[in-house]
Amino acid sequence: MLLCFIIKRSFDKINKNMGFDVKNTTFFSLLDMVFPYTCRGCGRLGSVLCGRCKKHNIQASVGICPRCRKIIKRCSCIVPAYGFCYREGVVDDLLKEYKYKSVRGAAEVLAECLDAAIPDSVLEAEIVPLPTAPKHIRARGFDHTLYLVKALSRRREGFSVCRALRRASNDVQVGKDDKTREEQAARAYKASSACRIDPEKLYILIDDVWTTGSSMEAAIKVMQKAGAVKLASAVLLMPR
């Protein structure tokens, strides 16, 4: 067990030094299957985020609307947005490993964080993942947003996954300026026939990061055009 811990910690350091633009994640995915995880907060062996560090991060979450920057209780947005925390610290590091190094064991922890951002009063909802660009799915080996949404649906009995959106373009927004991101987002999504829109149901659109908000706003417009009346959104991270 001690040998596993030493080897795992060594490769964790390699991952950190290599940065987060590494797209070939197969090797590191196999390591995660063979060797136990280590807590990204304190280094304890056993999970990607131990119970103590997870509790600390959930208690320290900001719980604000990334659109209006007010705390959720004071948000008056027509379509409320639930944000877990700022794009920094352990949760940010964990999300990067989840997305870019295929550390799928992080999905349940990130889903718990996302669940903490959504008010307890929301008992039933159709949770809609913002579709990931096919190029990114191929590079990462999985659809990280869909995987996260499925983990979230297991946390609340009244939540069910609804793939109401599909990609209409394969544009990649990473590294683009705000204007370009907005233009790309406007043509990124279309309504999908895989999920029938019910105007009586609440639809919560899910994404991992709120950067400029252009992707989420574009997705909301598509949902409204498709007939959705009750809408909200939720993200893990947002910029300060």
Protein backbone atom coordinates (compact mmCIF):
# COMPACT_ATOMS: atom_id res chain seq x y z
CA MET A 1 0.00 0.00 0.00
CA LEU A 2 2.86 2.35 0.86
CA LEU A 3 4.48 1.62 -2.51
CA CYS A 4 1.20 2.42 -4.29
CA PHE A 5 0.98 5.68 -2.39
CA ILE A 6 4.55 6.71 -3.33
CA ILE A 7 4.10 5.86 -7.01
CA LYS A 8 0.72 7.57 -7.17
CA ARG A 9 2.05 10.76 -5.55
CA SER A 10 4.99 10.74 -7.98
CA PHE A 11 2.67 10.65 -10.97
CA ASP A 12 0.47 13.35 -9.39
CA LYS A 13 3.55 15.58 -9.41
CA ILE A 14 4.25 14.65 -13.03
CA ASN A 15 0.67 15.59 -13.94
CA LYS A 16 1.05 18.95 -12.25
CA ASN A 17 4.35 19.71 -13.97
CA MET A 18 3.01 18.72 -17.37
CA GLY A 19 0.20 21.28 -17.16
CA PHE A 20 -3.42 20.79 -18.19
CA ASP A 21 -3.21 20.85 -21.98
CA VAL A 22 -2.32 17.16 -22.26
CA LYS A 23 -4.98 15.47 -24.38
CA ASN A 24 -3.73 11.86 -24.33
CA THR A 25 -5.19 10.70 -21.00
CA THR A 26 -5.16 6.93 -21.49
CA PHE A 27 -1.98 6.34 -19.49
CA PHE A 28 -3.15 8.37 -16.52
CA SER A 29 -6.63 6.81 -16.65
CA LEU A 30 -5.05 3.36 -16.31
CA LEU A 31 -3.00 4.57 -13.35
CA ASP A 32 -6.15 5.77 -11.63
CA MET A 33 -7.65 2.31 -12.04
CA VAL A 34 -4.58 0.51 -10.64
CA PHE A 35 -3.50 2.86 -7.85
CA PRO A 36 -5.74 4.50 -5.21
CA TYR A 37 -6.55 8.19 -5.44
CA THR A 38 -4.97 10.81 -3.22
CA CYS A 39 -6.88 13.81 -1.88
CA ARG A 40 -6.12 16.90 -3.95
CA GLY A 41 -6.57 18.99 -0.82
CA CYS A 42 -4.44 17.32 1.85
CA GLY A 43 -2.79 14.37 0.09
CA ARG A 44 -4.57 11.72 2.14
CA LEU A 45 -4.82 8.33 0.44
CA GLY A 46 -8.21 6.99 -0.63
CA SER A 47 -10.17 9.56 -2.68
CA VAL A 48 -9.71 12.54 -4.99
CA LEU A 49 -11.09 14.76 -2.21
CA CYS A 50 -11.38 13.43 1.33
CA GLY A 51 -14.48 14.02 3.43
CA ARG A 52 -12.85 16.75 5.50
CA CYS A 53 -11.56 18.74 2.50
CA LYS A 54 -14.86 18.26 0.66
CA LYS A 55 -16.84 19.54 3.64
CA HIS A 56 -14.53 22.54 3.97
CA ASN A 57 -14.89 23.48 0.30
CA ILE A 58 -18.67 23.08 0.32
CA GLN A 59 -18.99 25.21 3.46
CA ALA A 60 -16.68 27.84 1.95
CA SER A 61 -18.55 28.01 -1.39
CA VAL A 62 -19.75 31.47 -2.39
CA GLY A 63 -23.26 30.52 -3.59
CA ILE A 64 -23.75 33.48 -5.90
CA CYS A 65 -25.38 34.08 -9.27
CA PRO A 66 -22.61 34.38 -11.88
CA ARG A 67 -24.89 36.59 -13.98
CA CYS A 68 -25.78 39.36 -11.52
CA ARG A 69 -23.05 38.63 -8.94
CA LYS A 70 -25.52 38.68 -6.06
CA ILE A 71 -25.92 35.93 -3.50
CA ILE A 72 -28.59 33.45 -4.54
CA LYS A 73 -31.10 34.68 -1.94
CA ARG A 74 -30.91 38.20 -3.39
CA CYS A 75 -30.78 37.22 -7.07
CA SER A 76 -33.69 38.62 -9.06
CA CYS A 77 -32.69 37.27 -12.48
CA ILE A 78 -35.59 35.96 -14.57
CA VAL A 79 -33.49 32.86 -15.19
CA PRO A 80 -31.53 32.26 -11.97
CA ALA A 81 -27.98 30.98 -12.17
CA TYR A 82 -26.46 28.92 -9.38
CA GLY A 83 -22.68 29.14 -9.04
CA PHE A 84 -20.67 27.01 -6.63
CA CYS A 85 -17.39 28.91 -6.26
CA TYR A 86 -14.76 31.03 -7.97
CA ARG A 87 -12.34 29.58 -10.49
CA GLU A 88 -9.48 28.93 -8.10
CA GLY A 89 -8.33 26.51 -5.42
CA VAL A 90 -8.87 22.78 -5.01
CA VAL A 91 -12.18 22.51 -6.91
CA ASP A 92 -10.64 24.30 -9.90
CA ASP A 93 -7.64 21.95 -9.84
CA LEU A 94 -9.93 18.93 -9.55
CA LEU A 95 -12.08 20.05 -12.47
CA LYS A 96 -9.01 20.46 -14.66
CA GLU A 97 -7.85 16.94 -13.84
CA TYR A 98 -11.35 15.61 -14.47
CA LYS A 99 -11.63 17.27 -17.88
CA TYR A 100 -8.10 17.11 -19.24
CA LYS A 101 -6.65 14.01 -17.57
CA SER A 102 -9.81 11.91 -17.49
CA VAL A 103 -9.85 11.50 -13.70
CA ARG A 104 -13.41 10.22 -13.74
CA GLY A 105 -13.35 9.51 -10.03
CA ALA A 106 -13.76 13.27 -9.58
CA ALA A 107 -17.24 13.25 -11.13
CA GLU A 108 -19.08 12.25 -7.95
CA VAL A 109 -17.25 14.88 -5.86
CA LEU A 110 -17.86 17.62 -8.43
CA ALA A 111 -21.51 16.57 -8.68
CA GLU A 112 -21.81 16.92 -4.90
CA CYS A 113 -20.39 20.44 -5.15
CA LEU A 114 -22.82 21.29 -7.94
CA ASP A 115 -25.67 19.82 -5.91
CA ALA A 116 -24.69 22.07 -2.99
CA ALA A 117 -25.00 25.13 -5.28
CA ILE A 118 -28.61 24.32 -6.25
CA PRO A 119 -31.10 25.34 -3.53
CA ASP A 120 -32.60 22.52 -1.46
CA SER A 121 -36.04 23.89 -2.35
CA VAL A 122 -35.58 22.61 -5.92
CA LEU A 123 -37.00 19.12 -5.51
CA GLU A 124 -37.76 18.22 -9.13
CA ALA A 125 -36.07 19.26 -12.34
CA GLU A 126 -34.95 18.12 -15.75
CA ILE A 127 -31.20 18.70 -15.79
CA VAL A 128 -29.83 19.54 -19.22
CA PRO A 129 -26.10 19.28 -20.03
CA LEU A 130 -24.66 21.87 -22.38
CA PRO A 131 -23.35 19.63 -25.19
CA THR A 132 -19.58 19.29 -25.37
CA ALA A 133 -17.87 19.90 -28.71
CA PRO A 134 -17.28 16.55 -30.49
CA LYS A 135 -13.60 17.47 -30.89
CA HIS A 136 -13.21 17.66 -27.12
CA ILE A 137 -15.11 14.41 -26.55
CA ARG A 138 -12.76 12.59 -28.91
CA ALA A 139 -9.68 14.14 -27.30
CA ARG A 140 -10.77 13.45 -23.71
CA GLY A 141 -12.35 10.08 -24.33
CA PHE A 142 -15.68 10.99 -22.74
CA ASP A 143 -18.32 13.73 -22.53
CA HIS A 144 -17.35 15.31 -19.22
CA THR A 145 -20.51 17.45 -18.90
CA LEU A 146 -22.91 14.58 -19.56
CA TYR A 147 -20.94 12.38 -17.16
CA LEU A 148 -21.22 15.09 -14.49
CA VAL A 149 -24.96 15.56 -15.07
CA LYS A 150 -25.58 11.84 -14.71
CA ALA A 151 -23.71 11.88 -11.40
CA LEU A 152 -25.82 14.85 -10.28
CA SER A 153 -29.07 13.06 -11.22
CA ARG A 154 -28.15 10.27 -8.80
CA ARG A 155 -27.96 12.72 -5.91
CA ARG A 156 -31.57 13.98 -5.98
CA GLU A 157 -34.47 11.64 -6.53
CA GLY A 158 -36.44 14.28 -8.43
CA PHE A 159 -33.67 15.06 -10.91
CA SER A 160 -33.62 13.38 -14.30
CA VAL A 161 -31.29 13.87 -17.26
CA CYS A 162 -32.78 15.51 -20.33
CA ARG A 163 -30.57 15.86 -23.39
CA ALA A 164 -32.69 18.65 -24.83
CA LEU A 165 -29.77 20.31 -26.63
CA ARG A 166 -27.38 19.18 -29.32
CA ARG A 167 -24.32 20.74 -30.88
CA ALA A 168 -24.94 22.70 -34.06
CA SER A 169 -21.26 23.54 -34.60
CA ASN A 170 -17.86 22.23 -33.58
CA ASP A 171 -16.37 25.61 -32.66
CA VAL A 172 -13.85 25.62 -29.82
CA GLN A 173 -13.97 28.65 -27.52
CA VAL A 174 -10.74 28.13 -25.60
CA GLY A 175 -8.41 31.09 -26.11
CA LYS A 176 -10.97 33.19 -27.99
CA ASP A 177 -11.83 36.80 -27.11
CA ASP A 178 -15.22 37.71 -25.65
CA LYS A 179 -16.72 38.88 -28.96
CA THR A 180 -15.66 35.72 -30.78
CA ARG A 181 -16.97 33.54 -27.94
CA GLU A 182 -20.34 35.28 -28.14
CA GLU A 183 -20.54 34.81 -31.91
CA GLN A 184 -19.61 31.13 -31.63
CA ALA A 185 -22.06 30.51 -28.78
CA ALA A 186 -24.93 32.00 -30.78
CA ARG A 187 -24.62 29.20 -33.33
CA ALA A 188 -23.42 26.42 -31.02
CA TYR A 189 -26.70 24.74 -30.01
CA LYS A 190 -29.97 23.47 -31.39
CA ALA A 191 -32.98 21.80 -29.78
CA SER A 192 -32.80 18.03 -29.78
CA SER A 193 -35.67 15.66 -30.53
CA ALA A 194 -34.32 13.33 -27.82
CA CYS A 195 -36.22 15.22 -25.12
CA ARG A 196 -39.74 16.63 -25.42
CA ILE A 197 -40.04 20.06 -23.78
CA ASP A 198 -42.82 20.37 -21.21
CA PRO A 199 -43.69 24.00 -20.31
CA GLU A 200 -44.77 22.86 -16.83
CA LYS A 201 -41.38 21.41 -15.92
CA LEU A 202 -38.28 23.15 -14.58
CA TYR A 203 -35.17 22.78 -16.72
CA ILE A 204 -31.75 23.42 -15.18
CA LEU A 205 -28.99 23.88 -17.73
CA ILE A 206 -25.67 22.52 -16.48
CA ASP A 207 -22.14 23.52 -17.44
CA ASP A 208 -18.82 23.24 -15.65
CA VAL A 209 -17.51 26.82 -15.98
CA TRP A 210 -19.14 30.22 -16.49
CA THR A 211 -16.54 32.32 -18.30
CA THR A 212 -18.41 35.10 -20.13
CA GLY A 213 -21.83 33.48 -19.89
CA SER A 214 -22.28 33.52 -23.67
CA SER A 215 -22.68 29.73 -23.98
CA MET A 216 -25.26 29.55 -21.22
CA GLU A 217 -27.23 32.54 -22.51
CA ALA A 218 -27.30 31.05 -26.01
CA ALA A 219 -28.48 27.69 -24.65
CA ILE A 220 -31.24 29.41 -22.65
CA LYS A 221 -32.52 31.14 -25.80
CA VAL A 222 -32.66 27.81 -27.66
CA MET A 223 -34.58 26.23 -24.76
CA GLN A 224 -37.05 29.14 -24.64
CA LYS A 225 -37.60 28.91 -28.38
CA ALA A 226 -38.26 25.18 -27.99
CA GLY A 227 -41.01 25.88 -25.48
CA ALA A 228 -39.34 25.81 -22.06
CA VAL A 229 -40.87 28.33 -19.63
CA LYS A 230 -39.28 27.47 -16.29
CA LEU A 231 -35.50 27.71 -16.60
CA ALA A 232 -32.44 27.94 -14.38
CA SER A 233 -28.75 27.25 -14.81
CA ALA A 234 -25.97 25.89 -12.61
CA VAL A 235 -22.18 25.89 -12.91
CA LEU A 236 -19.30 24.77 -10.76
CA LEU A 237 -16.92 27.67 -11.30
CA MET A 238 -16.98 31.32 -12.31
CA PRO A 239 -14.38 34.09 -12.58
CA ARG A 240 -14.07 36.74 -9.89
